[in-house]
Protein backbone atom coordinates (compact mmCIF):
# COMPACT_ATOMS: atom_id res chain seq x y z
CA MET A 1 -77.90 -11.85 29.78
CA ARG A 2 -80.54 -10.32 31.15
CA PRO A 3 -82.82 -12.57 33.63
CA VAL A 4 -86.08 -13.13 32.54
CA GLN A 5 -89.50 -13.36 34.53
CA VAL A 6 -90.90 -16.49 33.98
CA ILE A 7 -94.81 -16.81 35.48
CA ALA A 8 -96.59 -20.12 35.46
CA VAL A 9 -100.40 -19.40 35.60
CA SER A 10 -102.30 -22.50 36.84
CA GLY A 11 -105.35 -23.25 38.82
CA GLY A 12 -106.75 -26.32 40.33
CA LYS A 13 -109.79 -26.88 37.80
CA GLY A 14 -110.68 -25.95 34.43
CA GLY A 15 -113.19 -23.08 34.22
CA VAL A 16 -111.68 -20.61 36.39
CA GLY A 17 -110.51 -18.40 33.29
CA LYS A 18 -106.95 -19.19 33.83
CA SER A 19 -106.36 -19.00 30.04
CA ASN A 20 -107.91 -15.43 30.01
CA ILE A 21 -106.01 -14.40 32.42
CA SER A 22 -102.68 -15.28 30.36
CA VAL A 23 -103.61 -13.94 27.29
CA ASN A 24 -104.36 -10.62 28.63
CA LEU A 25 -102.02 -10.06 31.29
CA SER A 26 -99.47 -10.76 28.77
CA ILE A 27 -100.82 -8.22 26.49
CA ALA A 28 -101.14 -5.55 29.39
CA LEU A 29 -97.69 -6.02 30.07
CA ALA A 30 -96.62 -5.92 26.51
CA GLU A 31 -98.55 -2.65 26.60
CA MET A 32 -96.17 -1.53 29.17
CA ARG A 33 -93.34 -2.11 26.86
CA ARG A 34 -92.28 -5.47 28.21
CA ARG A 35 -91.10 -7.67 25.67
CA VAL A 36 -93.32 -11.16 26.40
CA VAL A 37 -93.76 -14.54 25.27
CA LEU A 38 -96.83 -16.38 26.09
CA PHE A 39 -96.09 -20.26 26.47
CA ASP A 40 -99.26 -22.13 25.60
CA ALA A 41 -98.09 -25.20 27.66
CA ASP A 42 -101.70 -27.18 27.62
CA LEU A 43 -101.86 -30.16 25.21
CA GLY A 44 -103.01 -28.85 21.66
CA LEU A 45 -103.36 -25.65 20.93
CA ALA A 46 -107.11 -25.13 22.23
CA ASN A 47 -106.80 -22.42 24.85
CA ILE A 48 -104.97 -20.03 22.70
CA ASP A 49 -106.54 -20.83 19.57
CA VAL A 50 -110.13 -19.98 21.19
CA LEU A 51 -109.41 -16.72 22.59
CA LEU A 52 -107.10 -15.49 20.06
CA GLY A 53 -108.38 -17.34 16.89
CA LEU A 54 -104.59 -18.53 16.15
CA LYS A 55 -103.76 -21.52 13.84
CA ALA A 56 -100.30 -22.87 14.71
CA THR A 57 -98.51 -24.55 11.74
CA ASN A 58 -95.44 -25.54 13.66
CA THR A 59 -95.04 -26.10 17.41
CA LEU A 60 -92.37 -26.99 19.83
CA ALA A 61 -92.58 -30.58 19.01
CA ASP A 62 -90.71 -29.53 15.79
CA VAL A 63 -88.16 -27.54 17.81
CA LEU A 64 -87.16 -30.62 19.38
CA ALA A 65 -87.10 -32.53 16.24
CA GLY A 66 -84.93 -30.25 14.89
CA THR A 67 -86.89 -29.22 11.85
CA HIS A 68 -87.16 -25.78 13.11
CA SER A 69 -85.99 -23.43 15.30
CA LEU A 70 -87.92 -21.42 18.26
CA MET A 71 -88.23 -18.43 16.41
CA ASP A 72 -89.89 -20.47 13.32
CA VAL A 73 -92.77 -21.55 15.46
CA LEU A 74 -93.50 -18.14 17.49
CA ILE A 75 -96.91 -16.96 16.36
CA ASN A 76 -97.25 -13.30 16.54
CA GLY A 77 -100.38 -12.32 18.61
CA PRO A 78 -101.92 -8.69 19.92
CA SER A 79 -99.84 -5.50 21.29
CA GLY A 80 -97.00 -7.81 20.05
CA ILE A 81 -97.26 -10.60 22.08
CA LYS A 82 -95.44 -13.80 20.57
CA ILE A 83 -96.89 -17.33 21.50
CA VAL A 84 -95.10 -20.76 21.66
CA PRO A 85 -97.68 -23.14 20.64
CA ALA A 86 -98.24 -26.32 22.68
CA SER A 87 -96.67 -29.52 21.80
CA SER A 88 -97.09 -33.02 22.68
CA GLY A 89 -96.64 -32.01 26.22
CA VAL A 90 -93.76 -32.24 29.04
CA GLN A 91 -93.62 -36.22 28.62
CA ARG A 92 -91.98 -35.87 25.43
CA MET A 93 -89.17 -33.66 27.09
CA ALA A 94 -88.26 -36.53 29.53
CA GLU A 95 -87.13 -38.94 26.80
CA LEU A 96 -85.01 -36.20 25.36
CA SER A 97 -81.47 -37.59 24.21
CA ALA A 98 -78.36 -35.15 25.43
CA ALA A 99 -78.38 -33.72 21.84
CA GLU A 100 -81.78 -32.86 21.84
CA HIS A 101 -81.47 -31.42 25.37
CA ALA A 102 -78.75 -29.26 24.12
CA GLY A 103 -80.46 -28.37 21.34
CA LEU A 104 -83.86 -27.18 23.02
CA ILE A 105 -81.80 -25.02 25.52
CA ASN A 106 -79.77 -23.47 22.66
CA ALA A 107 -83.66 -22.56 21.26
CA PHE A 108 -84.49 -21.02 24.23
CA ASN A 109 -80.95 -19.32 24.45
CA GLU A 110 -81.90 -17.47 20.94
CA LEU A 111 -84.98 -16.13 22.64
CA SER A 112 -83.52 -15.01 25.67
CA ASP A 113 -82.03 -11.44 24.47
CA GLN A 114 -85.56 -10.79 23.32
CA VAL A 115 -88.23 -11.55 25.89
CA ASP A 116 -88.43 -9.68 29.59
CA VAL A 117 -91.64 -12.12 30.46
CA LEU A 118 -92.36 -15.60 30.02
CA VAL A 119 -95.90 -16.52 31.15
CA ILE A 120 -96.87 -19.88 31.14
CA ASP A 121 -100.40 -20.79 30.61
CA THR A 122 -100.67 -24.31 32.03
CA ALA A 123 -103.63 -27.28 31.81
CA ALA A 124 -105.93 -27.31 34.78
CA GLY A 125 -105.19 -29.68 37.61
CA ILE A 126 -102.16 -31.29 38.72
CA SER A 127 -101.09 -33.62 36.34
CA ASP A 128 -97.34 -34.33 35.84
CA THR A 129 -97.05 -31.56 33.02
CA VAL A 130 -98.93 -29.25 35.15
CA VAL A 131 -96.41 -29.91 38.06
CA SER A 132 -93.37 -29.70 35.99
CA PHE A 133 -94.05 -26.23 34.16
CA VAL A 134 -94.85 -24.53 37.72
CA ARG A 135 -91.87 -26.06 39.29
CA ALA A 136 -89.84 -24.73 36.62
CA ALA A 137 -91.38 -20.97 37.03
CA ASN A 138 -89.96 -18.26 39.19
CA GLU A 139 -93.49 -16.90 40.23
CA VAL A 140 -96.79 -18.99 40.28
CA ILE A 141 -99.86 -17.46 39.93
CA ILE A 142 -103.44 -19.71 41.18
CA VAL A 143 -106.36 -18.26 39.50
CA VAL A 144 -109.73 -19.17 41.60
CA CYS A 145 -113.26 -18.29 41.25
CA ASP A 146 -116.15 -18.33 43.57
CA GLU A 147 -116.97 -22.30 43.46
CA PRO A 148 -116.18 -24.69 46.24
CA SER A 149 -114.14 -27.33 43.74
CA SER A 150 -112.10 -24.33 42.76
CA ILE A 151 -110.86 -23.33 46.39
CA THR A 152 -110.30 -27.52 46.71
CA ASP A 153 -108.67 -28.02 43.69
CA ALA A 154 -106.30 -24.60 44.54
CA TYR A 155 -105.31 -26.26 47.71
CA ALA A 156 -104.89 -29.76 46.37
CA LEU A 157 -102.31 -28.19 43.96
CA ILE A 158 -100.62 -25.91 46.17
CA LYS A 159 -100.45 -28.70 48.93
CA LEU A 160 -98.70 -31.08 46.19
CA LEU A 161 -96.13 -28.75 45.47
CA ASN A 162 -95.33 -28.00 48.88
CA LYS A 163 -95.32 -31.26 50.29
CA GLU A 164 -93.69 -33.13 47.54
CA TYR A 165 -91.36 -30.52 45.98
CA GLY A 166 -90.89 -27.98 48.97
CA MET A 167 -92.69 -24.90 47.36
CA GLN A 168 -93.50 -22.21 49.81
CA ARG A 169 -94.78 -18.94 47.98
CA PHE A 170 -97.56 -18.72 45.66
CA ARG A 171 -99.56 -15.58 44.23
CA VAL A 172 -103.75 -15.68 44.06
CA ILE A 173 -105.96 -13.94 41.34
CA ALA A 174 -109.59 -14.21 42.28
CA ASN A 175 -111.22 -14.26 38.70
CA MET A 176 -114.69 -13.36 38.13
CA THR A 177 -115.64 -11.74 41.27
CA ARG A 178 -119.25 -9.95 41.79
CA ASN A 179 -118.06 -7.42 43.96
CA ALA A 180 -115.02 -5.79 45.91
CA GLN A 181 -115.35 -7.83 48.86
CA GLU A 182 -115.63 -11.40 47.13
CA GLY A 183 -111.96 -11.64 45.73
CA THR A 184 -110.98 -11.01 49.42
CA SER A 185 -112.89 -13.54 50.72
CA MET A 186 -111.85 -16.07 48.23
CA PHE A 187 -108.47 -15.71 49.06
CA ASN A 188 -109.03 -15.68 53.02
CA LYS A 189 -110.52 -19.29 52.37
CA LEU A 190 -107.91 -20.50 50.73
CA ASN A 191 -104.93 -18.80 53.03
CA THR A 192 -106.55 -20.24 56.13
CA VAL A 193 -106.84 -23.57 55.07
CA CYS A 194 -103.18 -23.52 53.68
CA GLU A 195 -102.00 -21.52 56.91
CA ARG A 196 -103.47 -24.29 58.82
CA PHE A 197 -102.09 -27.36 57.23
CA LEU A 198 -99.14 -26.37 54.92
CA ASP A 199 -95.93 -23.97 55.34
CA VAL A 200 -96.77 -21.80 52.84
CA THR A 201 -96.88 -18.08 51.93
CA LEU A 202 -99.96 -16.87 49.83
CA GLN A 203 -99.75 -13.13 48.42
CA PHE A 204 -103.25 -11.66 46.68
CA VAL A 205 -102.46 -10.20 43.56
CA GLY A 206 -105.98 -8.68 43.04
CA GLN A 207 -109.40 -9.56 41.22
CA VAL A 208 -111.18 -9.59 38.20
CA PRO A 209 -114.42 -8.66 38.01
CA PHE A 210 -117.40 -10.97 36.36
CA ASP A 211 -117.90 -9.12 32.84
CA GLU A 212 -120.09 -10.22 29.89
CA GLU A 213 -117.36 -8.48 27.55
CA VAL A 214 -115.20 -11.54 28.30
CA ARG A 215 -117.52 -13.77 27.10
CA ASN A 216 -118.13 -11.65 24.09
CA ALA A 217 -114.45 -11.36 23.26
CA VAL A 218 -114.29 -15.20 23.09
CA ARG A 219 -117.29 -15.56 20.82
CA LYS A 220 -115.54 -12.88 18.42
CA GLN A 221 -111.89 -14.93 19.09
CA LYS A 222 -110.59 -11.60 20.47
CA ALA A 223 -108.55 -10.71 23.00
CA LEU A 224 -110.74 -8.99 26.36
CA LEU A 225 -108.12 -6.08 25.92
CA GLU A 226 -108.27 -5.48 22.09
CA PHE A 227 -112.29 -6.48 22.07
CA ALA A 228 -113.15 -4.09 25.09
CA PRO A 229 -110.51 -1.93 26.38
CA SER A 230 -112.55 0.04 28.70
CA SER A 231 -114.33 -2.90 29.70
CA LYS A 232 -114.35 -3.58 34.02
CA ALA A 233 -112.19 -6.59 33.45
CA ALA A 234 -109.73 -5.08 31.21
CA ILE A 235 -109.40 -2.30 33.64
CA ALA A 236 -108.56 -4.77 36.44
CA ILE A 237 -106.18 -7.28 34.26
CA ARG A 238 -104.01 -3.79 33.73
CA GLY A 239 -103.98 -3.01 36.95
CA LEU A 240 -102.62 -6.41 37.93
CA ALA A 241 -100.09 -6.21 35.02
CA GLN A 242 -99.01 -3.12 37.07
CA VAL A 243 -98.32 -5.27 40.39
CA VAL A 244 -96.83 -7.88 38.47
CA ASP A 245 -94.36 -5.59 36.64
CA LYS A 246 -92.87 -4.68 40.21
CA TRP A 247 -91.99 -8.37 41.06
CA PRO A 248 -88.41 -8.46 41.67
CA LEU A 249 -86.83 -10.15 38.94
CA PRO A 250 -84.55 -13.28 39.86
CA SER A 251 -81.03 -12.64 40.70
CA GLY A 252 -77.88 -14.69 39.30
CA PRO A 253 -77.29 -16.91 36.54
CA SER A 254 -80.64 -18.92 37.55
CA GLY A 255 -82.86 -16.33 36.74
CA ARG A 256 -81.70 -16.61 32.72
CA LEU A 257 -83.84 -18.67 30.43
CA GLU A 258 -81.82 -21.70 29.30
CA PHE A 259 -82.34 -22.15 33.24
CA PHE A 260 -85.88 -22.29 33.36
CA VAL A 261 -85.57 -25.05 30.64
CA GLU A 262 -82.77 -26.75 32.38
CA ARG A 263 -85.35 -26.82 35.57
CA LEU A 264 -88.06 -27.88 33.19
CA LEU A 265 -86.20 -30.72 31.63
CA ARG A 266 -85.19 -31.88 35.54
CA ALA A 267 -88.68 -31.68 36.55
CA ALA A 268 -89.98 -33.64 33.90
CA ASN A 269 -87.13 -36.56 34.48
CA ASP A 270 -88.45 -36.21 38.37
CA ARG A 271 -91.84 -36.87 37.36
CA TYR A 272 -91.69 -39.74 34.64
C-alpha cells in the first residue's frame, strides 16, 4: 500500500480562518490531481457545512456503530475532494471494543488505495480531541493571524505538544495578512518565543492575504477557489498547495493510513 500524507490543520484559537485554509488547500491539491480526503474533526458539521453548504446524512459515528462503511459516509466536495463528516469526537474512540477498533482500521484500509492526502480540520484550542488528531498526523500546520491572542494561543498548543508528547516540528501559515511583511513578522514573533523556551523547529509555509472574497464565498456557501478562483487569496492558497505537495511522504509502514488510525486510537486512549 502507498503511503498517505496526513496533514492536521490546527490553531490556538477560533477565528483565524483554519477551516477556510483546510477546505481550500484540499481543493488546490485536488486541482493538482491529488486524491484528497478532508476529515472534519470538529464536533458537528458546522465549519464544513457553513463553508460548502453540505448536509451529512451519516457520519463517522455510523462507521463506528457498524451500520455504514466509510465509503458510505463520504460526501463529494468541489474539485473531486471527499469529505468525512464530523462524528461525536475522539472520546468515543477511546471507548472502542477490540472488534470496533479492528473495524475502524479496516474502514480506513478500504480508503487507503484511493487517497493521496488526508487533510484533518481540527477544532480550535488545546482540547483532548485536537491533541489526539494532531499527534496522529504526519504533518502539522498551525494557522495564525495578526491578533496577540492568536500568537499566544498557538504557542500554548505548540508548548503542550512539545512538552507532553515530544513533538518537535511544526509548519506555520499566516492568514489574513495586510501586506507582504506581516506574515513574516507574525512567524518571527512565534518562532522567537518558541526558540527561547521550547525544543521545536518551526517552518514558515507562507501567507494568505486578507481578501473580501473570502467572506463573500462564505456567504454564498462556496469554497473560495470555486467562487473566486482568481482572487488574491485563492492564488496564494494555490501557491501554498505547491509547497505542501513537495513535502516528503512518510516512509515505511508507519506512513500507511491504518497506522494513522492506530496512532489516533492510541492518542485517544492516552488522553482519556
